[in-house]
Amino acid sequence: MSYTFPLAPMSPSIKVLTIILWLLPFSILMFSYQERLAVIVCLLIILLYGSIWIWFRPSRFTICTDYLKIVFPGRQLKIPFQDILSVSSISIETFKGEFGWAMRIGAGGLWGGFGWLWTSKKGMLEFYISRVEEFVFIERLNKKSLLITPENPAEFVKILQRQL
């Protein structure tokens, strides 16, 4: 039996940032539509946004019988349970206390944050978040730990802990 959790809805701050970022290419076009370079830049920005959606922003997290599957529109990432040391729900306050300050390496702001996150206390993490609260932290054995935001994080943690 498998359990599927969609990526959590965006938090208000990420939603506002996403709207602003989507206004950017259209603003450039609106004020410079006669410039060929402006059109090319806008098309490249939209192409970049599409690649983030397809390759970096997960649509759902599925807990299968022996692995966690992170599903993106253009790919899947399977994490065997034997690679998972622990899973827990953490708040933003707990994150700041345990991990210190963080610097994103990857996509950020457009639909959330995706890629790598360097933290001052624990080093590199892999992260796929759509909100800035109610994180799920998955500590992995020999790879970067994960920070994700599935919908209904408490239920996600409970089921994943039971499967481990």
N, C-alpha and C. Protein backbone atom coordinates (compact mmCIF):
# COMPACT_ATOMS: atom_id res chain seq x y z
N MET A 1 0.84 -1.18 0.00
CA MET A 1 0.00 0.00 0.00
C MET A 1 0.89 1.24 0.00
N SER A 2 0.50 2.25 -0.75
CA SER A 2 1.26 3.50 -0.77
C SER A 2 0.38 4.66 -0.32
N TYR A 3 1.04 5.69 0.17
CA TYR A 3 0.36 6.89 0.67
C TYR A 3 0.95 8.09 -0.07
N THR A 4 0.08 8.90 -0.64
CA THR A 4 0.54 10.04 -1.42
C THR A 4 0.14 11.35 -0.75
N PHE A 5 1.10 12.25 -0.68
CA PHE A 5 0.91 13.57 -0.10
C PHE A 5 1.34 14.61 -1.13
N PRO A 6 0.44 15.48 -1.56
CA PRO A 6 0.86 16.52 -2.50
C PRO A 6 1.80 17.51 -1.82
N LEU A 7 2.54 18.24 -2.62
CA LEU A 7 3.33 19.34 -2.10
C LEU A 7 2.37 20.32 -1.44
N ALA A 8 2.72 20.82 -0.28
CA ALA A 8 1.83 21.72 0.46
C ALA A 8 1.56 23.00 -0.34
N PRO A 9 0.40 23.61 -0.12
CA PRO A 9 0.13 24.90 -0.76
C PRO A 9 1.19 25.93 -0.37
N MET A 10 1.44 26.86 -1.25
CA MET A 10 2.44 27.89 -0.98
C MET A 10 2.02 28.77 0.19
N SER A 11 3.00 29.17 0.99
CA SER A 11 2.73 30.13 2.05
C SER A 11 2.52 31.50 1.39
N PRO A 12 1.85 32.44 2.09
CA PRO A 12 1.56 33.74 1.48
C PRO A 12 2.80 34.46 0.95
N SER A 13 3.90 34.42 1.67
CA SER A 13 5.11 35.13 1.21
C SER A 13 5.65 34.53 -0.09
N ILE A 14 5.63 33.22 -0.19
CA ILE A 14 6.10 32.57 -1.42
C ILE A 14 5.13 32.82 -2.56
N LYS A 15 3.84 32.85 -2.25
CA LYS A 15 2.84 33.14 -3.29
C LYS A 15 3.04 34.54 -3.86
N VAL A 16 3.28 35.53 -2.99
CA VAL A 16 3.52 36.90 -3.44
C VAL A 16 4.79 36.96 -4.30
N LEU A 17 5.84 36.32 -3.84
CA LEU A 17 7.09 36.31 -4.60
C LEU A 17 6.92 35.64 -5.96
N THR A 18 6.14 34.57 -6.02
CA THR A 18 5.87 33.88 -7.28
C THR A 18 5.13 34.80 -8.25
N ILE A 19 4.14 35.52 -7.74
CA ILE A 19 3.39 36.46 -8.59
C ILE A 19 4.32 37.54 -9.13
N ILE A 20 5.16 38.10 -8.26
CA ILE A 20 6.10 39.14 -8.69
C ILE A 20 7.04 38.59 -9.77
N LEU A 21 7.55 37.39 -9.55
CA LEU A 21 8.46 36.81 -10.54
C LEU A 21 7.76 36.54 -11.88
N TRP A 22 6.48 36.18 -11.84
CA TRP A 22 5.75 35.97 -13.09
C TRP A 22 5.44 37.29 -13.79
N LEU A 23 5.34 38.37 -13.02
CA LEU A 23 5.10 39.68 -13.63
C LEU A 23 6.34 40.21 -14.35
N LEU A 24 7.50 39.75 -13.93
CA LEU A 24 8.76 40.24 -14.50
C LEU A 24 8.85 40.10 -16.02
N PRO A 25 8.70 38.91 -16.60
CA PRO A 25 8.84 38.84 -18.06
C PRO A 25 7.76 39.64 -18.80
N PHE A 26 6.57 39.68 -18.25
CA PHE A 26 5.50 40.42 -18.91
C PHE A 26 5.70 41.93 -18.79
N SER A 27 6.31 42.37 -17.69
CA SER A 27 6.64 43.79 -17.55
C SER A 27 7.72 44.19 -18.54
N ILE A 28 8.71 43.33 -18.70
CA ILE A 28 9.77 43.61 -19.67
C ILE A 28 9.16 43.71 -21.07
N LEU A 29 8.28 42.79 -21.41
CA LEU A 29 7.63 42.82 -22.73
C LEU A 29 6.77 44.06 -22.91
N MET A 30 6.04 44.41 -21.87
CA MET A 30 5.12 45.53 -21.96
C MET A 30 5.87 46.84 -22.24
N PHE A 31 7.04 47.00 -21.62
CA PHE A 31 7.76 48.25 -21.77
C PHE A 31 8.81 48.21 -22.88
N SER A 32 9.11 47.04 -23.40
CA SER A 32 10.16 46.93 -24.42
C SER A 32 9.77 45.97 -25.53
N TYR A 33 8.49 45.86 -25.83
CA TYR A 33 8.03 44.83 -26.77
C TYR A 33 8.61 44.98 -28.16
N GLN A 34 9.08 46.18 -28.53
CA GLN A 34 9.63 46.37 -29.87
C GLN A 34 11.10 45.98 -29.95
N GLU A 35 11.71 45.74 -28.82
CA GLU A 35 13.12 45.36 -28.78
C GLU A 35 13.25 43.84 -28.89
N ARG A 36 13.97 43.39 -29.88
CA ARG A 36 14.16 41.95 -30.08
C ARG A 36 14.83 41.31 -28.87
N LEU A 37 15.82 41.99 -28.29
CA LEU A 37 16.52 41.45 -27.13
C LEU A 37 15.57 41.25 -25.95
N ALA A 38 14.64 42.17 -25.75
CA ALA A 38 13.67 42.04 -24.65
C ALA A 38 12.80 40.80 -24.85
N VAL A 39 12.38 40.56 -26.06
CA VAL A 39 11.56 39.38 -26.35
C VAL A 39 12.36 38.11 -26.08
N ILE A 40 13.62 38.09 -26.51
CA ILE A 40 14.47 36.91 -26.28
C ILE A 40 14.67 36.69 -24.78
N VAL A 41 14.94 37.76 -24.04
CA VAL A 41 15.12 37.65 -22.58
C VAL A 41 13.85 37.10 -21.93
N CYS A 42 12.70 37.60 -22.34
CA CYS A 42 11.42 37.12 -21.77
C CYS A 42 11.20 35.65 -22.07
N LEU A 43 11.49 35.25 -23.28
CA LEU A 43 11.33 33.83 -23.63
C LEU A 43 12.29 32.95 -22.82
N LEU A 44 13.51 33.42 -22.61
CA LEU A 44 14.47 32.67 -21.79
C LEU A 44 14.01 32.57 -20.34
N ILE A 45 13.46 33.65 -19.81
CA ILE A 45 12.94 33.63 -18.43
C ILE A 45 11.80 32.63 -18.32
N ILE A 46 10.88 32.66 -19.27
CA ILE A 46 9.74 31.73 -19.24
C ILE A 46 10.23 30.28 -19.41
N LEU A 47 11.23 30.07 -20.24
CA LEU A 47 11.82 28.73 -20.40
C LEU A 47 12.46 28.27 -19.08
N LEU A 48 13.15 29.17 -18.41
CA LEU A 48 13.74 28.85 -17.10
C LEU A 48 12.65 28.49 -16.10
N TYR A 49 11.57 29.27 -16.06
CA TYR A 49 10.45 28.99 -15.15
C TYR A 49 9.86 27.61 -15.43
N GLY A 50 9.71 27.28 -16.70
CA GLY A 50 9.17 25.97 -17.07
C GLY A 50 10.09 24.84 -16.64
N SER A 51 11.39 25.03 -16.80
CA SER A 51 12.33 23.97 -16.39
C SER A 51 12.32 23.79 -14.87
N ILE A 52 12.15 24.86 -14.12
CA ILE A 52 12.04 24.74 -12.66
C ILE A 52 10.80 23.92 -12.32
N TRP A 53 9.68 24.21 -12.97
CA TRP A 53 8.44 23.48 -12.71
C TRP A 53 8.59 21.98 -13.03
N ILE A 54 9.20 21.69 -14.16
CA ILE A 54 9.29 20.29 -14.62
C ILE A 54 10.34 19.49 -13.85
N TRP A 55 11.51 20.07 -13.57
CA TRP A 55 12.63 19.29 -13.04
C TRP A 55 12.92 19.49 -11.56
N PHE A 56 12.50 20.62 -10.98
CA PHE A 56 12.92 20.92 -9.61
C PHE A 56 11.79 21.03 -8.60
N ARG A 57 10.59 21.31 -9.02
CA ARG A 57 9.46 21.46 -8.10
C ARG A 57 8.68 20.15 -8.03
N PRO A 58 8.72 19.47 -6.87
CA PRO A 58 7.96 18.21 -6.78
C PRO A 58 6.46 18.48 -6.77
N SER A 59 5.71 17.54 -7.29
CA SER A 59 4.25 17.66 -7.23
C SER A 59 3.69 16.86 -6.07
N ARG A 60 4.41 15.79 -5.68
CA ARG A 60 3.91 14.96 -4.58
C ARG A 60 5.01 14.09 -4.00
N PHE A 61 4.72 13.58 -2.81
CA PHE A 61 5.61 12.67 -2.09
C PHE A 61 4.81 11.40 -1.83
N THR A 62 5.33 10.26 -2.25
CA THR A 62 4.62 9.00 -2.08
C THR A 62 5.44 8.07 -1.19
N ILE A 63 4.80 7.61 -0.12
CA ILE A 63 5.43 6.64 0.77
C ILE A 63 5.00 5.26 0.27
N CYS A 64 5.96 4.52 -0.28
CA CYS A 64 5.69 3.18 -0.81
C CYS A 64 6.08 2.14 0.23
N THR A 65 6.06 0.87 -0.14
CA THR A 65 6.34 -0.19 0.84
C THR A 65 7.77 -0.18 1.34
N ASP A 66 8.74 0.19 0.49
CA ASP A 66 10.13 0.16 0.95
C ASP A 66 10.96 1.38 0.53
N TYR A 67 10.30 2.42 0.05
CA TYR A 67 11.02 3.64 -0.32
C TYR A 67 10.07 4.83 -0.32
N LEU A 68 10.67 6.01 -0.23
CA LEU A 68 9.95 7.27 -0.38
C LEU A 68 10.21 7.76 -1.79
N LYS A 69 9.15 8.10 -2.49
CA LYS A 69 9.28 8.57 -3.87
C LYS A 69 8.88 10.04 -3.92
N ILE A 70 9.79 10.87 -4.42
CA ILE A 70 9.50 12.28 -4.65
C ILE A 70 9.23 12.41 -6.14
N VAL A 71 8.02 12.82 -6.48
CA VAL A 71 7.58 12.84 -7.88
C VAL A 71 7.57 14.28 -8.39
N PHE A 72 8.32 14.50 -9.45
CA PHE A 72 8.37 15.77 -10.16
C PHE A 72 7.66 15.56 -11.49
N PRO A 73 7.17 16.61 -12.15
CA PRO A 73 6.53 16.38 -13.45
C PRO A 73 7.44 15.69 -14.47
N GLY A 74 8.76 15.93 -14.41
CA GLY A 74 9.66 15.35 -15.40
C GLY A 74 10.59 14.27 -14.90
N ARG A 75 10.49 13.89 -13.62
CA ARG A 75 11.39 12.86 -13.09
C ARG A 75 10.87 12.36 -11.75
N GLN A 76 11.55 11.34 -11.22
CA GLN A 76 11.23 10.80 -9.89
C GLN A 76 12.52 10.58 -9.13
N LEU A 77 12.45 10.75 -7.83
CA LEU A 77 13.57 10.47 -6.95
C LEU A 77 13.11 9.45 -5.93
N LYS A 78 13.77 8.29 -5.88
CA LYS A 78 13.41 7.23 -4.94
C LYS A 78 14.46 7.15 -3.84
N ILE A 79 13.99 7.17 -2.61
CA ILE A 79 14.87 7.10 -1.45
C ILE A 79 14.52 5.83 -0.67
N PRO A 80 15.39 4.82 -0.74
CA PRO A 80 15.11 3.57 -0.01
C PRO A 80 15.05 3.83 1.49
N PHE A 81 14.16 3.11 2.17
CA PHE A 81 14.02 3.29 3.61
C PHE A 81 15.31 2.99 4.36
N GLN A 82 16.13 2.07 3.85
CA GLN A 82 17.37 1.76 4.56
C GLN A 82 18.35 2.94 4.55
N ASP A 83 18.11 3.94 3.68
CA ASP A 83 18.94 5.15 3.65
C ASP A 83 18.43 6.23 4.60
N ILE A 84 17.27 6.01 5.23
CA ILE A 84 16.67 7.02 6.10
C ILE A 84 16.96 6.68 7.56
N LEU A 85 17.60 7.62 8.26
CA LEU A 85 17.89 7.43 9.68
C LEU A 85 16.72 7.85 10.56
N SER A 86 16.12 9.01 10.22
CA SER A 86 15.00 9.51 11.03
C SER A 86 14.16 10.47 10.21
N VAL A 87 12.96 10.70 10.71
CA VAL A 87 12.05 11.67 10.10
C VAL A 87 11.35 12.41 11.22
N SER A 88 11.21 13.72 11.05
CA SER A 88 10.55 14.51 12.09
C SER A 88 9.93 15.77 11.50
N SER A 89 8.92 16.26 12.18
CA SER A 89 8.30 17.54 11.85
C SER A 89 9.08 18.62 12.58
N ILE A 90 9.40 19.71 11.90
CA ILE A 90 10.08 20.80 12.59
C ILE A 90 9.49 22.14 12.19
N SER A 91 9.44 23.04 13.15
CA SER A 91 8.94 24.39 12.91
C SER A 91 10.10 25.26 12.41
N ILE A 92 9.77 26.45 11.97
CA ILE A 92 10.81 27.38 11.51
C ILE A 92 11.72 27.76 12.67
N GLU A 93 11.15 27.89 13.87
CA GLU A 93 11.95 28.24 15.05
C GLU A 93 12.95 27.12 15.37
N THR A 94 12.47 25.88 15.33
CA THR A 94 13.35 24.73 15.57
C THR A 94 14.43 24.67 14.50
N PHE A 95 14.04 24.90 13.26
CA PHE A 95 15.01 24.88 12.16
C PHE A 95 16.12 25.90 12.41
N LYS A 96 15.73 27.13 12.74
CA LYS A 96 16.73 28.18 12.98
C LYS A 96 17.66 27.81 14.14
N GLY A 97 17.09 27.23 15.19
CA GLY A 97 17.90 26.85 16.35
C GLY A 97 18.86 25.71 16.05
N GLU A 98 18.40 24.69 15.34
CA GLU A 98 19.22 23.50 15.08
C GLU A 98 20.16 23.65 13.89
N PHE A 99 19.77 24.45 12.91
CA PHE A 99 20.54 24.53 11.67
C PHE A 99 21.26 25.86 11.50
N GLY A 100 20.88 26.88 12.26
CA GLY A 100 21.49 28.20 12.10
C GLY A 100 20.95 28.90 10.87
N TRP A 101 21.73 29.81 10.35
CA TRP A 101 21.27 30.51 9.15
C TRP A 101 21.54 29.66 7.92
N ALA A 102 20.81 29.96 6.86
CA ALA A 102 20.87 29.11 5.67
C ALA A 102 21.04 29.95 4.41
N MET A 103 21.68 29.35 3.42
CA MET A 103 21.85 29.98 2.12
C MET A 103 21.43 28.99 1.04
N ARG A 104 20.52 29.42 0.20
CA ARG A 104 19.97 28.55 -0.83
C ARG A 104 20.91 28.47 -2.03
N ILE A 105 21.03 27.27 -2.58
CA ILE A 105 21.77 27.05 -3.82
C ILE A 105 20.79 26.30 -4.72
N GLY A 106 20.17 26.98 -5.63
CA GLY A 106 19.15 26.37 -6.47
C GLY A 106 18.05 27.38 -6.74
N ALA A 107 16.87 26.90 -7.04
CA ALA A 107 15.74 27.77 -7.33
C ALA A 107 15.11 28.23 -6.02
N GLY A 108 14.74 29.49 -5.97
CA GLY A 108 14.09 29.99 -4.76
C GLY A 108 13.17 31.14 -5.06
N GLY A 109 12.00 31.11 -4.48
CA GLY A 109 11.04 32.19 -4.65
C GLY A 109 9.93 31.84 -5.61
N LEU A 110 10.24 31.17 -6.68
CA LEU A 110 9.25 30.80 -7.68
C LEU A 110 8.64 29.46 -7.28
N TRP A 111 7.45 29.48 -6.74
CA TRP A 111 6.70 28.31 -6.26
C TRP A 111 7.30 27.70 -4.99
N GLY A 112 8.38 28.25 -4.48
CA GLY A 112 9.00 27.71 -3.27
C GLY A 112 10.51 27.76 -3.37
N GLY A 113 11.15 26.82 -2.69
CA GLY A 113 12.60 26.69 -2.73
C GLY A 113 12.96 25.26 -3.04
N PHE A 114 13.84 25.06 -4.01
CA PHE A 114 14.17 23.71 -4.47
C PHE A 114 15.65 23.63 -4.80
N GLY A 115 16.28 22.57 -4.37
CA GLY A 115 17.70 22.38 -4.66
C GLY A 115 18.48 22.06 -3.41
N TRP A 116 19.55 22.81 -3.19
CA TRP A 116 20.39 22.61 -2.02
C TRP A 116 20.27 23.80 -1.10
N LEU A 117 20.47 23.53 0.18
CA LEU A 117 20.42 24.57 1.20
C LEU A 117 21.63 24.36 2.10
N TRP A 118 22.52 25.35 2.13
CA TRP A 118 23.67 25.27 3.02
C TRP A 118 23.30 25.91 4.35
N THR A 119 23.52 25.20 5.45
CA THR A 119 23.21 25.73 6.78
C THR A 119 24.50 25.88 7.58
N SER A 120 24.52 26.90 8.44
CA SER A 120 25.75 27.20 9.18
C SER A 120 26.11 26.14 10.21
N LYS A 121 25.13 25.39 10.71
CA LYS A 121 25.42 24.40 11.75
C LYS A 121 25.50 22.96 11.24
N LYS A 122 24.78 22.63 10.17
CA LYS A 122 24.74 21.22 9.72
C LYS A 122 25.15 21.02 8.27
N GLY A 123 25.64 22.06 7.63
CA GLY A 123 26.10 21.91 6.25
C GLY A 123 24.97 21.82 5.24
N MET A 124 25.20 21.02 4.19
CA MET A 124 24.28 20.95 3.05
C MET A 124 23.08 20.05 3.30
N LEU A 125 21.93 20.51 2.82
CA LEU A 125 20.69 19.74 2.79
C LEU A 125 20.16 19.79 1.37
N GLU A 126 19.32 18.85 1.04
CA GLU A 126 18.53 18.91 -0.18
C GLU A 126 17.17 19.41 0.26
N PHE A 127 16.57 20.35 -0.46
CA PHE A 127 15.28 20.85 0.01
C PHE A 127 14.29 21.06 -1.12
N TYR A 128 13.04 20.78 -0.79
CA TYR A 128 11.91 20.93 -1.71
C TYR A 128 10.76 21.48 -0.88
N ILE A 129 10.68 22.81 -0.78
CA ILE A 129 9.69 23.42 0.10
C ILE A 129 8.80 24.40 -0.66
N SER A 130 7.55 24.48 -0.23
CA SER A 130 6.60 25.40 -0.84
C SER A 130 6.03 26.37 0.19
N ARG A 131 6.50 26.27 1.41
CA ARG A 131 6.08 27.19 2.46
C ARG A 131 7.23 27.35 3.44
N VAL A 132 7.09 28.33 4.31
CA VAL A 132 8.18 28.65 5.24
C VAL A 132 7.85 28.24 6.67
N GLU A 133 7.02 27.24 6.81
CA GLU A 133 6.69 26.69 8.12
C GLU A 133 6.27 25.23 7.94
N GLU A 134 6.23 24.50 9.04
CA GLU A 134 5.80 23.09 9.03
C GLU A 134 6.63 22.23 8.07
N PHE A 135 7.92 22.19 8.34
CA PHE A 135 8.83 21.37 7.52
C PHE A 135 8.83 19.93 8.00
N VAL A 136 9.22 19.04 7.11
CA VAL A 136 9.53 17.66 7.48
C VAL A 136 11.02 17.48 7.18
N PHE A 137 11.76 17.05 8.21
CA PHE A 137 13.19 16.83 8.08
C PHE A 137 13.44 15.33 8.02
N ILE A 138 14.14 14.90 6.97
CA ILE A 138 14.47 13.48 6.80
C ILE A 138 15.99 13.35 6.81
N GLU A 139 16.49 12.74 7.88
CA GLU A 139 17.93 12.53 7.99
C GLU A 139 18.29 11.25 7.25
N ARG A 140 19.29 11.36 6.36
CA ARG A 140 19.69 10.22 5.54
C ARG A 140 21.06 9.71 5.95
N LEU A 141 21.30 8.45 5.67
CA LEU A 141 22.51 7.77 6.11
C LEU A 141 23.78 8.32 5.44
N ASN A 142 23.90 8.23 4.14
CA ASN A 142 25.14 8.62 3.46
C ASN A 142 24.93 9.71 2.41
N LYS A 143 23.81 10.36 2.44
CA LYS A 143 23.52 11.41 1.46
C LYS A 143 23.02 12.64 2.20
N LYS A 144 22.82 13.72 1.44
CA LYS A 144 22.30 14.94 2.05
C LYS A 144 20.92 14.66 2.65
N SER A 145 20.70 15.20 3.84
CA SER A 145 19.38 15.08 4.45
C SER A 145 18.40 15.93 3.66
N LEU A 146 17.11 15.68 3.86
CA LEU A 146 16.06 16.35 3.10
C LEU A 146 15.22 17.25 3.99
N LEU A 147 14.80 18.37 3.44
CA LEU A 147 13.82 19.24 4.06
C LEU A 147 12.70 19.40 3.05
N ILE A 148 11.49 18.96 3.40
CA ILE A 148 10.37 18.98 2.45
C ILE A 148 9.13 19.55 3.13
N THR A 149 8.14 19.89 2.31
CA THR A 149 6.86 20.38 2.85
C THR A 149 5.69 19.66 2.18
N PRO A 150 5.43 18.44 2.62
CA PRO A 150 4.22 17.77 2.12
C PRO A 150 2.99 18.36 2.78
N GLU A 151 1.87 18.24 2.11
CA GLU A 151 0.60 18.61 2.74
C GLU A 151 0.37 17.64 3.90
N ASN A 152 -0.18 18.13 5.00
CA ASN A 152 -0.44 17.32 6.19
C ASN A 152 0.85 16.67 6.72
N PRO A 153 1.80 17.49 7.16
CA PRO A 153 3.11 16.96 7.57
C PRO A 153 3.06 16.01 8.76
N ALA A 154 2.17 16.23 9.71
CA ALA A 154 2.09 15.33 10.88
C ALA A 154 1.71 13.92 10.45
N GLU A 155 0.74 13.80 9.56
CA GLU A 155 0.32 12.49 9.06
C GLU A 155 1.44 11.84 8.23
N PHE A 156 2.11 12.65 7.42
CA PHE A 156 3.23 12.16 6.62
C PHE A 156 4.30 11.56 7.53
N VAL A 157 4.69 12.29 8.58
CA VAL A 157 5.72 11.82 9.50
C VAL A 157 5.28 10.54 10.20
N LYS A 158 4.02 10.51 10.65
CA LYS A 158 3.50 9.33 11.35
C LYS A 158 3.56 8.09 10.45
N ILE A 159 3.12 8.22 9.22
CA ILE A 159 3.10 7.07 8.30
C ILE A 159 4.53 6.65 7.93
N LEU A 160 5.38 7.63 7.64
CA LEU A 160 6.76 7.28 7.26
C LEU A 160 7.49 6.62 8.43
N GLN A 161 7.31 7.13 9.64
CA GLN A 161 7.94 6.49 10.81
C GLN A 161 7.45 5.06 10.99
N ARG A 162 6.18 4.84 10.75
CA ARG A 162 5.62 3.49 10.87
C ARG A 162 6.22 2.56 9.81
N GLN A 163 6.45 3.07 8.61
CA GLN A 163 7.01 2.26 7.52
C GLN A 163 8.49 1.93 7.77
N LEU A 164 9.18 2.83 8.45
CA LEU A 164 10.61 2.60 8.69
C LEU A 164 10.77 1.46 9.67
